[in-house]
Amino acid sequence: MEFQGIKSKWSIANDNIVTSEEQDICMVNIFLEAYMEIQNAEQEKICKANTLLISKAPEMLDALKKVLLDIKLTNAFNLDSPIVRNLEDVIKSATEI
């Protein structure tokens, strides 16, 4: 369950580019055909929100891993509980290629 992507800190450039110290990661755009009814300001807001979420993905993955480890070390939940299974499933789906 190790993340195979770029490990350095991700950030945002130009409101819609997710980048790192090593290289650009992705560019987030709104497909105008899908949002013909949405005004330009709303399209920009959606694009910025999507870019922000993507840029924080590595930090959120690390936080989820720490929560899962803490749960397992402290026996805070039954290891077969839906919460634990969900955390394991989300981490697995984000790290397995």
Protein backbone atom coordinates (compact mmCIF):
# COMPACT_ATOMS: atom_id res chain seq x y z
CA MET A 1 0.00 0.00 0.00
CA GLU A 2 2.82 2.35 -0.89
CA PHE A 3 2.04 5.38 -3.07
CA GLN A 4 3.88 5.02 -6.39
CA GLY A 5 3.54 8.64 -7.53
CA ILE A 6 5.64 11.73 -6.98
CA LYS A 7 6.61 11.88 -3.32
CA SER A 8 7.58 15.55 -2.95
CA LYS A 9 5.01 18.08 -1.72
CA TRP A 10 2.29 18.93 -4.22
CA SER A 11 1.10 22.50 -4.73
CA ILE A 12 -1.01 24.59 -7.10
CA ALA A 13 0.29 26.83 -9.88
CA ASN A 14 -1.82 29.12 -12.07
CA ASP A 15 -5.05 28.05 -10.31
CA ASN A 16 -5.36 24.79 -12.27
CA ILE A 17 -1.98 23.03 -12.38
CA VAL A 18 -0.99 20.55 -9.69
CA THR A 19 2.79 20.57 -9.48
CA SER A 20 5.67 19.44 -7.28
CA GLU A 21 9.31 20.31 -6.84
CA GLU A 22 10.13 17.57 -9.35
CA GLN A 23 7.59 18.19 -12.13
CA ASP A 24 4.06 19.18 -13.03
CA ILE A 25 1.57 16.48 -12.07
CA CYS A 26 -1.62 17.40 -13.89
CA MET A 27 -3.70 20.23 -15.28
CA VAL A 28 -7.34 20.47 -14.23
CA ASN A 29 -9.81 21.80 -16.76
CA ILE A 30 -13.56 22.01 -17.07
CA PHE A 31 -14.93 20.46 -20.24
CA LEU A 32 -17.14 23.21 -21.54
CA GLU A 33 -19.46 20.77 -23.28
CA ALA A 34 -20.33 19.23 -19.93
CA TYR A 35 -20.95 22.59 -18.25
CA MET A 36 -22.65 24.66 -20.95
CA GLU A 37 -25.24 25.90 -18.44
CA ILE A 38 -22.66 26.98 -15.86
CA GLN A 39 -21.37 30.54 -16.01
CA ASN A 40 -17.63 31.17 -16.33
CA ALA A 41 -17.23 32.17 -12.68
CA GLU A 42 -18.82 28.91 -11.55
CA GLN A 43 -16.62 26.90 -13.94
CA GLU A 44 -13.55 28.60 -12.49
CA LYS A 45 -14.69 27.83 -8.94
CA ILE A 46 -15.24 24.14 -9.81
CA CYS A 47 -11.84 23.93 -11.49
CA LYS A 48 -10.08 25.51 -8.48
CA ALA A 49 -11.92 23.19 -6.05
CA ASN A 50 -10.93 20.10 -8.06
CA THR A 51 -7.33 21.33 -8.30
CA LEU A 52 -7.18 21.91 -4.54
CA LEU A 53 -8.52 18.43 -3.77
CA ILE A 54 -6.04 16.75 -6.13
CA SER A 55 -3.13 18.78 -4.71
CA LYS A 56 -3.97 17.62 -1.17
CA ALA A 57 -4.35 13.93 -2.11
CA PRO A 58 -0.87 12.83 -0.89
CA GLU A 59 -1.37 14.56 2.48
CA MET A 60 -4.81 13.00 2.87
CA LEU A 61 -3.41 9.56 1.99
CA ASP A 62 -0.68 9.94 4.61
CA ALA A 63 -3.25 11.06 7.19
CA LEU A 64 -5.48 8.05 6.44
CA LYS A 65 -2.51 5.70 6.79
CA LYS A 66 -1.64 7.26 10.18
CA VAL A 67 -5.25 6.98 11.38
CA LEU A 68 -5.39 3.32 10.34
CA LEU A 69 -2.08 2.58 12.05
CA ASP A 70 -3.23 4.36 15.22
CA ILE A 71 -6.48 2.38 15.21
CA LYS A 72 -4.56 -0.86 14.87
CA LEU A 73 -1.99 0.03 17.55
CA THR A 74 -4.55 1.24 20.09
CA ASN A 75 -7.32 -1.25 19.28
CA ALA A 76 -9.65 1.75 19.06
CA PHE A 77 -11.99 -0.25 16.82
CA ASN A 78 -12.60 -3.88 16.07
CA LEU A 79 -10.24 -4.62 13.17
CA ASP A 80 -13.16 -6.14 11.25
CA SER A 81 -15.30 -3.03 11.70
CA PRO A 82 -16.69 -1.22 8.67
CA ILE A 83 -14.55 1.82 9.50
CA VAL A 84 -11.31 -0.15 9.44
CA ARG A 85 -12.30 -2.07 6.31
CA ASN A 86 -13.26 1.19 4.59
CA LEU A 87 -9.93 2.83 5.47
CA GLU A 88 -8.04 -0.22 4.19
CA ASP A 89 -10.11 -0.29 0.98
CA VAL A 90 -9.63 3.42 0.27
CA ILE A 91 -5.87 3.25 0.86
CA LYS A 92 -5.59 0.13 -1.28
CA SER A 93 -7.60 1.64 -4.13
CA ALA A 94 -5.43 4.80 -4.04
CA THR A 95 -2.11 2.96 -4.04
CA GLU A 96 -2.51 -0.14 -6.20
CA ILE A 97 -1.93 0.31 -9.90
